[in-house]
Amino acid sequence: MKISREFSRSFDELKDIVAFAHEFFEKQDIDPSLRYIVDLCVEELFVNMVSYNTETSSNIRIDMSPHEHGIEVSLTDFDVDRFDPRDVKPVDIDAPLESRMAGGLGLYLVLKMADSIHYEYRNRTSKITFIADRK
């Protein structure tokens, strides 16, 4: 069963987003070991949407649905420019700290932790979907 909820573009929404995910995990009996992955990925993607898609005041919709041995989560941002997180230049995690550029580590973690990531962009609507599975 898929559930959806919209959240305003505010970092204050993060506590409600975590509660939304917790409720979904409980009701759908999703493997609790996936919570850390889902919370980190949703938080990072939501924060990036709020921080960088400043041309809109539209809410961000989060959809969650069971997926085989895990969960599928989508974040949809409306009236924004295209930004595919899979196109971000990889972070050189082996580079010395003093030579690294700030930022990018959160998306790096999302791309490493999620089992798959899909991106859609149509009519100024950006949708990022990830799957976290325990096979």
Protein backbone atom coordinates (compact mmCIF):
# COMPACT_ATOMS: atom_id res chain seq x y z
CA MET A 1 0.00 0.00 0.00
CA LYS A 2 1.45 3.32 -1.10
CA ILE A 3 1.18 6.36 1.14
CA SER A 4 1.92 9.97 0.23
CA ARG A 5 2.32 13.19 2.13
CA GLU A 6 3.40 16.70 1.24
CA PHE A 7 5.84 18.71 3.32
CA SER A 8 6.55 22.43 3.21
CA ARG A 9 9.99 23.60 2.13
CA SER A 10 11.39 23.92 5.63
CA PHE A 11 14.09 22.10 7.58
CA ASP A 12 11.60 22.11 10.48
CA GLU A 13 9.69 19.42 8.56
CA LEU A 14 12.47 16.86 9.08
CA LYS A 15 11.06 15.64 12.40
CA ASP A 16 7.65 15.08 10.75
CA ILE A 17 9.30 13.30 7.82
CA VAL A 18 11.07 10.91 10.20
CA ALA A 19 7.77 10.28 12.01
CA PHE A 20 6.05 9.68 8.65
CA ALA A 21 8.67 7.04 7.76
CA HIS A 22 8.45 5.44 11.21
CA GLU A 23 4.67 5.12 10.92
CA PHE A 24 4.99 3.57 7.46
CA PHE A 25 7.58 1.04 8.66
CA GLU A 26 5.33 0.06 11.56
CA LYS A 27 2.12 -0.29 9.53
CA GLN A 28 3.73 -2.16 6.63
CA ASP A 29 6.03 -4.34 8.74
CA ILE A 30 9.09 -3.21 6.77
CA ASP A 31 12.45 -4.59 7.96
CA PRO A 32 13.56 -2.09 10.65
CA SER A 33 17.20 -2.49 9.59
CA LEU A 34 16.33 -0.38 6.52
CA ARG A 35 15.25 2.64 8.61
CA TYR A 36 18.74 4.13 8.81
CA ILE A 37 19.17 3.98 5.02
CA VAL A 38 15.70 5.44 4.37
CA ASP A 39 16.05 8.21 6.95
CA LEU A 40 19.49 9.24 5.69
CA CYS A 41 18.49 9.17 2.01
CA VAL A 42 15.19 11.02 2.52
CA GLU A 43 16.80 13.63 4.76
CA GLU A 44 19.67 14.28 2.33
CA LEU A 45 17.43 14.50 -0.74
CA PHE A 46 14.84 16.69 1.04
CA VAL A 47 17.52 19.06 2.39
CA ASN A 48 19.04 19.37 -1.09
CA MET A 49 15.66 20.16 -2.62
CA VAL A 50 14.95 22.83 -0.02
CA SER A 51 18.47 24.29 -0.22
CA TYR A 52 18.97 24.37 -3.97
CA ASN A 53 15.52 24.54 -5.57
CA THR A 54 14.85 28.04 -4.31
CA GLU A 55 12.86 29.15 -7.38
CA THR A 56 9.69 27.53 -6.03
CA SER A 57 7.55 27.61 -2.91
CA SER A 58 5.69 24.38 -3.74
CA ASN A 59 5.53 21.58 -1.21
CA ILE A 60 7.64 18.46 -1.66
CA ARG A 61 5.72 15.18 -1.90
CA ILE A 62 7.10 11.99 -0.40
CA ASP A 63 5.65 8.63 -1.43
CA MET A 64 6.47 5.34 0.27
CA SER A 65 5.45 1.86 -0.78
CA PRO A 66 6.55 -1.67 0.07
CA HIS A 67 8.91 -3.19 -2.49
CA GLU A 68 9.69 -6.91 -2.55
CA HIS A 69 12.05 -7.23 0.46
CA GLY A 70 12.13 -3.54 1.33
CA ILE A 71 10.77 -0.13 0.48
CA GLU A 72 10.48 2.27 -2.46
CA VAL A 73 10.58 5.99 -1.69
CA SER A 74 9.98 8.91 -4.08
CA LEU A 75 10.52 12.61 -3.48
CA THR A 76 8.78 14.90 -5.97
CA ASP A 77 9.65 18.58 -6.28
CA PHE A 78 7.41 20.84 -8.36
CA ASP A 79 8.20 23.85 -10.56
CA VAL A 80 11.99 23.37 -10.44
CA ASP A 81 14.95 23.07 -12.79
CA ARG A 82 16.34 19.66 -13.71
CA PHE A 83 18.85 18.12 -11.29
CA ASP A 84 19.70 14.44 -11.57
CA PRO A 85 21.69 13.39 -8.49
CA ARG A 86 23.22 10.53 -10.48
CA ASP A 87 25.05 13.12 -12.62
CA VAL A 88 26.94 14.63 -9.68
CA LYS A 89 30.70 14.33 -9.98
CA PRO A 90 31.89 11.53 -7.67
CA VAL A 91 33.49 12.55 -4.39
CA ASP A 92 37.12 11.52 -4.03
CA ILE A 93 36.88 10.05 -0.54
CA ASP A 94 40.59 9.19 -0.62
CA ALA A 95 41.72 12.79 -1.20
CA PRO A 96 43.26 14.64 1.75
CA LEU A 97 40.72 16.78 3.62
CA GLU A 98 42.51 20.02 2.78
CA SER A 99 42.15 19.38 -0.96
CA ARG A 100 38.46 18.43 -0.94
CA MET A 101 35.67 20.74 -2.00
CA ALA A 102 32.85 21.30 0.49
CA GLY A 103 29.60 19.47 -0.22
CA GLY A 104 28.62 16.40 -2.17
CA LEU A 105 29.25 13.82 0.51
CA GLY A 106 25.55 13.45 1.35
CA LEU A 107 24.61 12.59 -2.24
CA TYR A 108 27.61 10.27 -2.40
CA LEU A 109 26.20 8.38 0.60
CA VAL A 110 22.71 8.25 -0.92
CA LEU A 111 24.08 6.80 -4.16
CA LYS A 112 26.11 4.20 -2.22
CA MET A 113 23.45 3.20 0.32
CA ALA A 114 20.34 2.92 -1.85
CA ASP A 115 20.00 -0.28 -3.87
CA SER A 116 18.79 1.69 -6.89
CA ILE A 117 18.00 5.28 -7.81
CA HIS A 118 15.77 6.46 -10.64
CA TYR A 119 15.28 10.05 -11.79
CA GLU A 120 12.45 11.56 -13.84
CA TYR A 121 12.00 15.13 -15.01
CA ARG A 122 8.94 16.34 -16.88
CA ASN A 123 7.14 19.69 -17.05
CA ARG A 124 9.42 21.26 -14.40
CA THR A 125 8.69 18.39 -12.00
CA SER A 126 11.65 16.52 -10.57
CA LYS A 127 11.13 13.05 -9.09
CA ILE A 128 13.83 10.98 -7.39
CA THR A 129 12.96 7.40 -6.48
CA PHE A 130 15.17 5.06 -4.52
CA ILE A 131 14.81 1.50 -3.33
CA ALA A 132 16.23 0.05 -0.14
CA ASP A 133 16.04 -3.76 -0.07
CA ARG A 134 17.19 -6.66 2.05
CA LYS A 135 17.50 -9.61 -0.29
